[in-house]
N, C-alpha and C. Protein backbone atom coordinates (compact mmCIF):
# COMPACT_ATOMS: atom_id res chain seq x y z
N MET A 1 0.83 -1.19 0.00
CA MET A 1 0.00 0.00 0.00
C MET A 1 0.87 1.25 0.00
N LEU A 2 1.94 1.24 0.78
CA LEU A 2 2.83 2.39 0.86
C LEU A 2 3.50 2.64 -0.49
N GLN A 3 3.69 1.59 -1.25
CA GLN A 3 4.29 1.70 -2.58
C GLN A 3 3.44 2.58 -3.49
N TYR A 4 2.13 2.44 -3.43
CA TYR A 4 1.24 3.22 -4.26
C TYR A 4 1.23 4.69 -3.86
N VAL A 5 1.44 4.95 -2.59
CA VAL A 5 1.53 6.34 -2.13
C VAL A 5 2.74 7.01 -2.76
N PHE A 6 3.87 6.31 -2.81
CA PHE A 6 5.07 6.86 -3.42
C PHE A 6 4.87 7.06 -4.92
N TYR A 7 4.20 6.13 -5.59
CA TYR A 7 3.93 6.28 -7.02
C TYR A 7 3.04 7.50 -7.27
N ALA A 8 2.02 7.67 -6.47
CA ALA A 8 1.11 8.80 -6.63
C ALA A 8 1.85 10.12 -6.36
N GLY A 9 2.66 10.14 -5.34
CA GLY A 9 3.44 11.34 -5.03
C GLY A 9 4.41 11.69 -6.13
N GLY A 10 5.05 10.68 -6.69
CA GLY A 10 5.97 10.91 -7.80
C GLY A 10 5.26 11.43 -9.04
N ALA A 11 4.07 10.90 -9.31
CA ALA A 11 3.30 11.36 -10.46
C ALA A 11 2.86 12.81 -10.28
N VAL A 12 2.43 13.16 -9.09
CA VAL A 12 2.02 14.54 -8.81
C VAL A 12 3.20 15.49 -8.97
N CYS A 13 4.36 15.10 -8.47
CA CYS A 13 5.56 15.93 -8.60
C CYS A 13 5.97 16.09 -10.06
N ALA A 14 5.88 15.01 -10.84
CA ALA A 14 6.23 15.07 -12.25
C ALA A 14 5.32 16.02 -13.01
N VAL A 15 4.03 15.93 -12.75
CA VAL A 15 3.08 16.82 -13.42
C VAL A 15 3.33 18.26 -13.00
N ALA A 16 3.61 18.50 -11.74
CA ALA A 16 3.88 19.86 -11.26
C ALA A 16 5.13 20.43 -11.93
N LEU A 17 6.17 19.63 -12.07
CA LEU A 17 7.39 20.11 -12.72
C LEU A 17 7.15 20.44 -14.19
N ILE A 18 6.37 19.64 -14.87
CA ILE A 18 6.07 19.91 -16.27
C ILE A 18 5.22 21.18 -16.40
N ILE A 19 4.27 21.37 -15.52
CA ILE A 19 3.44 22.58 -15.56
C ILE A 19 4.30 23.81 -15.33
N PHE A 20 5.18 23.77 -14.34
CA PHE A 20 6.03 24.93 -14.07
C PHE A 20 7.01 25.19 -15.21
N ALA A 21 7.48 24.15 -15.87
CA ALA A 21 8.39 24.34 -17.00
C ALA A 21 7.68 25.03 -18.16
N PHE A 22 6.41 24.68 -18.42
CA PHE A 22 5.69 25.26 -19.54
C PHE A 22 5.13 26.65 -19.25
N ARG A 23 5.24 27.11 -18.03
CA ARG A 23 4.77 28.45 -17.70
C ARG A 23 5.79 29.51 -18.11
N GLY A 24 7.05 29.10 -18.33
CA GLY A 24 8.09 30.04 -18.71
C GLY A 24 8.10 30.32 -20.20
N LYS A 25 9.07 31.11 -20.62
CA LYS A 25 9.18 31.48 -22.02
C LYS A 25 9.74 30.37 -22.88
N ARG A 26 10.68 29.59 -22.34
CA ARG A 26 11.34 28.54 -23.10
C ARG A 26 11.20 27.21 -22.36
N PRO A 27 10.08 26.52 -22.51
CA PRO A 27 9.83 25.32 -21.71
C PRO A 27 10.77 24.16 -22.04
N PHE A 28 11.07 23.94 -23.31
CA PHE A 28 11.91 22.79 -23.66
C PHE A 28 13.35 23.02 -23.23
N ARG A 29 13.81 24.25 -23.34
CA ARG A 29 15.16 24.56 -22.86
C ARG A 29 15.24 24.37 -21.34
N THR A 30 14.21 24.82 -20.65
CA THR A 30 14.18 24.67 -19.19
C THR A 30 14.20 23.20 -18.79
N MET A 31 13.39 22.37 -19.46
CA MET A 31 13.36 20.94 -19.13
C MET A 31 14.69 20.27 -19.48
N PHE A 32 15.30 20.67 -20.60
CA PHE A 32 16.59 20.08 -20.99
C PHE A 32 17.68 20.44 -19.99
N VAL A 33 17.74 21.70 -19.59
CA VAL A 33 18.76 22.13 -18.62
C VAL A 33 18.54 21.45 -17.28
N THR A 34 17.30 21.35 -16.85
CA THR A 34 16.99 20.68 -15.59
C THR A 34 17.41 19.21 -15.63
N ALA A 35 17.09 18.53 -16.71
CA ALA A 35 17.45 17.12 -16.85
C ALA A 35 18.96 16.95 -16.90
N PHE A 36 19.64 17.82 -17.64
CA PHE A 36 21.09 17.72 -17.75
C PHE A 36 21.76 17.94 -16.40
N LEU A 37 21.35 18.97 -15.68
CA LEU A 37 21.94 19.24 -14.37
C LEU A 37 21.63 18.14 -13.37
N GLY A 38 20.43 17.57 -13.45
CA GLY A 38 20.08 16.47 -12.56
C GLY A 38 20.93 15.24 -12.82
N LEU A 39 21.11 14.90 -14.09
CA LEU A 39 21.94 13.73 -14.43
C LEU A 39 23.41 13.99 -14.10
N LEU A 40 23.86 15.22 -14.29
CA LEU A 40 25.24 15.56 -13.94
C LEU A 40 25.45 15.45 -12.43
N THR A 41 24.49 15.92 -11.66
CA THR A 41 24.57 15.81 -10.20
C THR A 41 24.51 14.35 -9.76
N PHE A 42 23.67 13.57 -10.40
CA PHE A 42 23.57 12.14 -10.08
C PHE A 42 24.90 11.44 -10.36
N ALA A 43 25.53 11.77 -11.48
CA ALA A 43 26.84 11.19 -11.81
C ALA A 43 27.88 11.62 -10.79
N ALA A 44 27.84 12.88 -10.36
CA ALA A 44 28.80 13.36 -9.37
C ALA A 44 28.63 12.63 -8.04
N VAL A 45 27.38 12.39 -7.65
CA VAL A 45 27.13 11.66 -6.40
C VAL A 45 27.64 10.23 -6.52
N CYS A 46 27.40 9.59 -7.67
CA CYS A 46 27.86 8.21 -7.85
C CYS A 46 29.38 8.12 -7.86
N ILE A 47 30.04 9.07 -8.51
CA ILE A 47 31.50 9.05 -8.57
C ILE A 47 32.10 9.39 -7.22
N SER A 48 31.54 10.39 -6.54
CA SER A 48 32.09 10.76 -5.23
C SER A 48 31.76 9.73 -4.16
N GLY A 49 30.87 8.81 -4.45
CA GLY A 49 30.55 7.75 -3.50
C GLY A 49 31.72 6.84 -3.20
N ILE A 50 32.69 6.81 -4.10
CA ILE A 50 33.90 6.04 -3.86
C ILE A 50 34.64 6.58 -2.64
N PHE A 51 34.64 7.90 -2.50
CA PHE A 51 35.36 8.54 -1.41
C PHE A 51 34.51 8.76 -0.17
N THR A 52 33.21 9.03 -0.36
CA THR A 52 32.36 9.37 0.77
C THR A 52 31.59 8.19 1.34
N GLY A 53 31.38 7.16 0.53
CA GLY A 53 30.60 6.02 0.98
C GLY A 53 29.10 6.20 0.76
N VAL A 54 28.68 7.36 0.28
CA VAL A 54 27.27 7.62 0.01
C VAL A 54 27.04 7.40 -1.48
N THR A 55 26.33 6.34 -1.81
CA THR A 55 26.07 6.03 -3.22
C THR A 55 24.58 5.86 -3.45
N LEU A 56 24.20 6.03 -4.68
CA LEU A 56 22.83 5.78 -5.10
C LEU A 56 22.86 4.69 -6.16
N PRO A 57 21.90 3.78 -6.13
CA PRO A 57 21.88 2.73 -7.16
C PRO A 57 21.52 3.32 -8.52
N VAL A 58 22.12 2.77 -9.54
CA VAL A 58 21.81 3.21 -10.90
C VAL A 58 20.76 2.27 -11.47
N ASN A 59 19.54 2.75 -11.54
CA ASN A 59 18.44 1.99 -12.13
C ASN A 59 17.47 2.98 -12.78
N PRO A 60 16.49 2.50 -13.51
CA PRO A 60 15.59 3.43 -14.22
C PRO A 60 14.86 4.42 -13.30
N TRP A 61 14.54 4.02 -12.10
CA TRP A 61 13.82 4.92 -11.19
C TRP A 61 14.69 6.08 -10.73
N THR A 62 15.93 5.79 -10.34
CA THR A 62 16.80 6.86 -9.85
C THR A 62 17.24 7.78 -10.98
N VAL A 63 17.51 7.22 -12.14
CA VAL A 63 17.90 8.05 -13.29
C VAL A 63 16.72 8.91 -13.73
N GLY A 64 15.52 8.36 -13.74
CA GLY A 64 14.34 9.13 -14.10
C GLY A 64 14.05 10.24 -13.11
N CYS A 65 14.19 9.94 -11.84
CA CYS A 65 13.97 10.96 -10.81
C CYS A 65 15.01 12.06 -10.92
N SER A 66 16.24 11.69 -11.23
CA SER A 66 17.30 12.68 -11.40
C SER A 66 17.05 13.56 -12.62
N ALA A 67 16.62 12.95 -13.71
CA ALA A 67 16.37 13.72 -14.93
C ALA A 67 15.14 14.59 -14.80
N LEU A 68 14.10 14.09 -14.20
CA LEU A 68 12.86 14.85 -14.09
C LEU A 68 12.93 15.89 -12.98
N GLY A 69 13.56 15.55 -11.88
CA GLY A 69 13.59 16.46 -10.75
C GLY A 69 14.77 17.38 -10.69
N GLY A 70 15.81 17.08 -11.46
CA GLY A 70 16.99 17.93 -11.43
C GLY A 70 17.75 17.76 -10.13
N ILE A 71 18.37 18.83 -9.70
CA ILE A 71 19.17 18.79 -8.47
C ILE A 71 18.28 18.51 -7.25
N PRO A 72 17.08 19.10 -7.12
CA PRO A 72 16.23 18.72 -5.99
C PRO A 72 15.82 17.24 -6.02
N GLY A 73 15.71 16.66 -7.21
CA GLY A 73 15.40 15.23 -7.31
C GLY A 73 16.51 14.37 -6.75
N VAL A 74 17.75 14.74 -7.03
CA VAL A 74 18.90 13.99 -6.49
C VAL A 74 18.98 14.18 -4.98
N ALA A 75 18.73 15.40 -4.52
CA ALA A 75 18.73 15.64 -3.07
C ALA A 75 17.65 14.83 -2.38
N THR A 76 16.49 14.71 -3.01
CA THR A 76 15.41 13.90 -2.45
C THR A 76 15.82 12.43 -2.39
N LEU A 77 16.47 11.94 -3.42
CA LEU A 77 16.95 10.55 -3.41
C LEU A 77 17.93 10.33 -2.26
N LEU A 78 18.81 11.28 -2.04
CA LEU A 78 19.78 11.14 -0.94
C LEU A 78 19.08 11.15 0.42
N VAL A 79 18.10 12.03 0.59
CA VAL A 79 17.36 12.08 1.86
C VAL A 79 16.59 10.79 2.08
N LEU A 80 15.94 10.29 1.02
CA LEU A 80 15.20 9.02 1.16
C LEU A 80 16.13 7.87 1.48
N LYS A 81 17.33 7.89 0.92
CA LYS A 81 18.30 6.84 1.24
C LYS A 81 18.71 6.91 2.71
N LEU A 82 18.88 8.11 3.23
CA LEU A 82 19.23 8.26 4.64
C LEU A 82 18.10 7.82 5.56
N ILE A 83 16.86 8.08 5.15
CA ILE A 83 15.71 7.73 5.99
C ILE A 83 15.49 6.23 6.00
N PHE A 84 15.51 5.59 4.82
CA PHE A 84 15.13 4.19 4.71
C PHE A 84 16.29 3.22 4.74
N ALA A 85 17.51 3.69 4.83
CA ALA A 85 18.65 2.76 4.84
C ALA A 85 19.21 2.60 6.22
């Protein structure tokens, strides 16, 4: 049951991010920059995990959350890892 709550929350966040991106002047550029920075941050966290011990698994969910959420998406993944690990 808790799994469906997370799915619903993720869907609401995804729709909210898309709505906010399309409210600006350049929506596709905004979404591209957000996705690029999120994936770059995700890669930095994965690479720095060798030294810090804090790593995130590389799977479709984490990559999607990083691309869709950008830097706040990666920060959310790190907080969730700290809470549930």
